[in-house]
Amino acid sequence: MQLKPINFMDKLGLFSEQWSPKVVAQMNDYQFKLVKLQGEFVWHSHQDTDETFIVLKGNLRIDFKEGYVNLSAGEMYVVPKGVEHKPYAENEAEVLLIEPKGVLNTGDGEVSERTATNDVWI
């Protein structure tokens, strides 16, 4: 057991790459991942799990086939399982993702150049 808090800003200072989530903690089978986002991602879905986005810094838009949701720092949104979505950030946003261990960032579709390596801890 570690008796030290996890500081998101310190952890975010350890990497610069975008669209590449880094694990900072795990609770049961759920991982807490920090990620930096800018630009447009790919349409994808997660058939077996919801995905939580918590914006720590900046703004994030999550597009859906039937609309979108805008998130600012301090706001969160849970994308229900099976719902196709596409994150977008005009300027760099820093986000905390909460999802089960092993979930690919590009969803259940085929692996692409945007697919990040899983289980990278910082």
C-alpha atoms as a PDB file:
ATOM      1  CA  MET A   1       0.000   0.000   0.000  1.00  0.00           C
ATOM      2  CA  GLN A   2       1.349   3.400  -1.001  1.00  0.00           C
ATOM      3  CA  LEU A   3       0.753   6.258   1.431  1.00  0.00           C
ATOM      4  CA  LYS A   4       1.153   9.064  -1.096  1.00  0.00           C
ATOM      5  CA  PRO A   5      -1.563  10.806  -3.119  1.00  0.00           C
ATOM      6  CA  ILE A   6      -1.496  10.761  -6.908  1.00  0.00           C
ATOM      7  CA  ASN A   7      -1.059  14.284  -8.246  1.00  0.00           C
ATOM      8  CA  PHE A   8      -2.613  14.588 -11.701  1.00  0.00           C
ATOM      9  CA  MET A   9      -0.620  17.673 -12.690  1.00  0.00           C
ATOM     10  CA  ASP A  10       2.685  16.034 -11.716  1.00  0.00           C
ATOM     11  CA  LYS A  11       1.785  12.918 -13.709  1.00  0.00           C
ATOM     12  CA  LEU A  12       0.691  14.963 -16.742  1.00  0.00           C
ATOM     13  CA  GLY A  13       4.085  16.668 -16.677  1.00  0.00           C
ATOM     14  CA  LEU A  14       5.784  13.308 -17.287  1.00  0.00           C
ATOM     15  CA  PHE A  15       4.622  12.942 -20.915  1.00  0.00           C
ATOM     16  CA  SER A  16       3.782  15.061 -23.935  1.00  0.00           C
ATOM     17  CA  GLU A  17       2.334  12.652 -26.513  1.00  0.00           C
ATOM     18  CA  GLN A  18      -1.335  12.967 -27.338  1.00  0.00           C
ATOM     19  CA  TRP A  19      -4.045  10.298 -27.670  1.00  0.00           C
ATOM     20  CA  SER A  20      -1.898   7.885 -25.633  1.00  0.00           C
ATOM     21  CA  PRO A  21      -3.529   7.217 -22.230  1.00  0.00           C
ATOM     22  CA  LYS A  22      -1.255   6.552 -19.234  1.00  0.00           C
ATOM     23  CA  VAL A  23      -2.467   4.548 -16.236  1.00  0.00           C
ATOM     24  CA  VAL A  24      -2.050   6.254 -12.863  1.00  0.00           C
ATOM     25  CA  ALA A  25      -4.167   3.936 -10.677  1.00  0.00           C
ATOM     26  CA  GLN A  26      -6.313   0.851 -10.694  1.00  0.00           C
ATOM     27  CA  MET A  27      -9.368   0.037  -8.578  1.00  0.00           C
ATOM     28  CA  ASN A  28     -10.492  -3.558  -8.938  1.00  0.00           C
ATOM     29  CA  ASP A  29     -10.674  -4.039 -12.720  1.00  0.00           C
ATOM     30  CA  TYR A  30     -11.005  -0.309 -13.513  1.00  0.00           C
ATOM     31  CA  GLN A  31      -8.076   1.855 -14.559  1.00  0.00           C
ATOM     32  CA  PHE A  32      -7.702   5.599 -14.143  1.00  0.00           C
ATOM     33  CA  LYS A  33      -5.859   6.963 -17.180  1.00  0.00           C
ATOM     34  CA  LEU A  34      -4.512  10.429 -17.905  1.00  0.00           C
ATOM     35  CA  VAL A  35      -4.417  11.539 -21.522  1.00  0.00           C
ATOM     36  CA  LYS A  36      -3.642  14.674 -23.505  1.00  0.00           C
ATOM     37  CA  LEU A  37      -5.919  15.256 -26.477  1.00  0.00           C
ATOM     38  CA  GLN A  38      -5.821  17.670 -29.388  1.00  0.00           C
ATOM     39  CA  GLY A  39      -7.493  17.516 -32.760  1.00  0.00           C
ATOM     40  CA  GLU A  40      -9.921  14.904 -33.927  1.00  0.00           C
ATOM     41  CA  PHE A  41      -9.940  11.243 -32.918  1.00  0.00           C
ATOM     42  CA  VAL A  42     -11.634   8.336 -34.731  1.00  0.00           C
ATOM     43  CA  TRP A  43     -15.229   7.141 -34.525  1.00  0.00           C
ATOM     44  CA  HIS A  44     -15.348   4.159 -32.195  1.00  0.00           C
ATOM     45  CA  SER A  45     -17.419   2.358 -29.575  1.00  0.00           C
ATOM     46  CA  HIS A  46     -16.910  -0.008 -26.665  1.00  0.00           C
ATOM     47  CA  GLN A  47     -19.528  -2.766 -26.815  1.00  0.00           C
ATOM     48  CA  ASP A  48     -18.946  -4.129 -23.313  1.00  0.00           C
ATOM     49  CA  THR A  49     -18.321  -1.064 -21.172  1.00  0.00           C
ATOM     50  CA  ASP A  50     -19.170   2.552 -20.472  1.00  0.00           C
ATOM     51  CA  GLU A  51     -16.320   5.088 -20.721  1.00  0.00           C
ATOM     52  CA  THR A  52     -15.945   8.083 -18.406  1.00  0.00           C
ATOM     53  CA  PHE A  53     -14.288  11.344 -19.501  1.00  0.00           C
ATOM     54  CA  ILE A  54     -13.350  13.885 -16.796  1.00  0.00           C
ATOM     55  CA  VAL A  55     -11.828  17.102 -18.158  1.00  0.00           C
ATOM     56  CA  LEU A  56      -9.047  18.427 -15.921  1.00  0.00           C
ATOM     57  CA  LYS A  57      -7.848  21.235 -18.196  1.00  0.00           C
ATOM     58  CA  GLY A  58      -9.148  22.695 -21.460  1.00  0.00           C
ATOM     59  CA  ASN A  59     -12.270  21.798 -23.393  1.00  0.00           C
ATOM     60  CA  LEU A  60     -13.419  18.562 -24.994  1.00  0.00           C
ATOM     61  CA  ARG A  61     -16.250  17.891 -27.416  1.00  0.00           C
ATOM     62  CA  ILE A  62     -17.562  14.361 -27.784  1.00  0.00           C
ATOM     63  CA  ASP A  63     -19.419  13.860 -31.056  1.00  0.00           C
ATOM     64  CA  PHE A  64     -22.213  11.316 -31.426  1.00  0.00           C
ATOM     65  CA  LYS A  65     -24.180  10.360 -34.523  1.00  0.00           C
ATOM     66  CA  GLU A  66     -27.157  12.306 -33.139  1.00  0.00           C
ATOM     67  CA  GLY A  67     -25.351  15.309 -31.632  1.00  0.00           C
ATOM     68  CA  TYR A  68     -22.507  16.228 -29.294  1.00  0.00           C
ATOM     69  CA  VAL A  69     -21.638  17.210 -25.745  1.00  0.00           C
ATOM     70  CA  ASN A  70     -19.167  19.968 -24.775  1.00  0.00           C
ATOM     71  CA  LEU A  71     -17.106  19.541 -21.618  1.00  0.00           C
ATOM     72  CA  SER A  72     -15.024  22.149 -19.807  1.00  0.00           C
ATOM     73  CA  ALA A  73     -12.517  21.720 -16.980  1.00  0.00           C
ATOM     74  CA  GLY A  74     -14.250  20.248 -13.949  1.00  0.00           C
ATOM     75  CA  GLU A  75     -16.956  18.483 -15.982  1.00  0.00           C
ATOM     76  CA  MET A  76     -17.455  14.815 -16.813  1.00  0.00           C
ATOM     77  CA  TYR A  77     -19.501  12.667 -19.140  1.00  0.00           C
ATOM     78  CA  VAL A  78     -20.151   8.930 -19.265  1.00  0.00           C
ATOM     79  CA  VAL A  79     -20.440   7.474 -22.768  1.00  0.00           C
ATOM     80  CA  PRO A  80     -22.754   4.452 -22.527  1.00  0.00           C
ATOM     81  CA  LYS A  81     -21.478   1.117 -23.773  1.00  0.00           C
ATOM     82  CA  GLY A  82     -22.076   0.453 -27.439  1.00  0.00           C
ATOM     83  CA  VAL A  83     -22.532   4.140 -28.347  1.00  0.00           C
ATOM     84  CA  GLU A  84     -20.337   5.312 -31.224  1.00  0.00           C
ATOM     85  CA  HIS A  85     -18.454   8.501 -30.378  1.00  0.00           C
ATOM     86  CA  LYS A  86     -15.540  10.671 -31.486  1.00  0.00           C
ATOM     87  CA  PRO A  87     -13.637  12.962 -29.087  1.00  0.00           C
ATOM     88  CA  TYR A  88     -12.352  16.314 -30.383  1.00  0.00           C
ATOM     89  CA  ALA A  89     -10.307  19.086 -28.753  1.00  0.00           C
ATOM     90  CA  GLU A  90      -9.497  22.266 -30.673  1.00  0.00           C
ATOM     91  CA  ASN A  91      -6.683  23.041 -28.221  1.00  0.00           C
ATOM     92  CA  GLU A  92      -4.912  20.553 -26.020  1.00  0.00           C
ATOM     93  CA  ALA A  93      -7.129  19.155 -23.277  1.00  0.00           C
ATOM     94  CA  GLU A  94      -6.017  17.083 -20.304  1.00  0.00           C
ATOM     95  CA  VAL A  95      -8.475  14.349 -19.419  1.00  0.00           C
ATOM     96  CA  LEU A  96      -8.902  11.582 -16.865  1.00  0.00           C
ATOM     97  CA  LEU A  97     -10.452   8.436 -18.353  1.00  0.00           C
ATOM     98  CA  ILE A  98     -12.018   5.705 -16.259  1.00  0.00           C
ATOM     99  CA  GLU A  99     -12.551   2.353 -17.939  1.00  0.00           C
ATOM    100  CA  PRO A 100     -11.892  -1.341 -17.367  1.00  0.00           C
ATOM    101  CA  LYS A 101      -8.377  -2.679 -17.768  1.00  0.00           C
ATOM    102  CA  GLY A 102      -7.647  -3.838 -21.314  1.00  0.00           C
ATOM    103  CA  VAL A 103     -10.011  -1.463 -23.153  1.00  0.00           C
ATOM    104  CA  LEU A 104      -8.446  -0.174 -26.376  1.00  0.00           C
ATOM    105  CA  ASN A 105      -8.687   3.575 -26.944  1.00  0.00           C
ATOM    106  CA  THR A 106      -9.879   2.969 -30.523  1.00  0.00           C
ATOM    107  CA  GLY A 107     -12.701   0.736 -29.335  1.00  0.00           C
ATOM    108  CA  ASP A 108     -13.830  -2.606 -30.634  1.00  0.00           C
ATOM    109  CA  GLY A 109     -12.954  -1.916 -34.277  1.00  0.00           C
ATOM    110  CA  GLU A 110      -9.745  -2.756 -36.013  1.00  0.00           C
ATOM    111  CA  VAL A 111      -6.390  -1.595 -34.698  1.00  0.00           C
ATOM    112  CA  SER A 112      -5.056   1.563 -36.400  1.00  0.00           C
ATOM    113  CA  GLU A 113      -2.204   4.057 -36.086  1.00  0.00           C
ATOM    114  CA  ARG A 114      -4.287   5.767 -33.368  1.00  0.00           C
ATOM    115  CA  THR A 115      -4.457   2.622 -31.206  1.00  0.00           C
ATOM    116  CA  ALA A 116      -2.375   3.252 -28.080  1.00  0.00           C
ATOM    117  CA  THR A 117      -0.422   0.633 -26.188  1.00  0.00           C
ATOM    118  CA  ASN A 118      -2.439  -0.584 -23.188  1.00  0.00           C
ATOM    119  CA  ASP A 119      -1.267  -0.733 -19.574  1.00  0.00           C
ATOM    120  CA  VAL A 120       1.387   1.980 -19.773  1.00  0.00           C
ATOM    121  CA  TRP A 121       1.839   3.171 -16.181  1.00  0.00           C
ATOM    122  CA  ILE A 122       3.370   6.468 -15.095  1.00  0.00           C
END
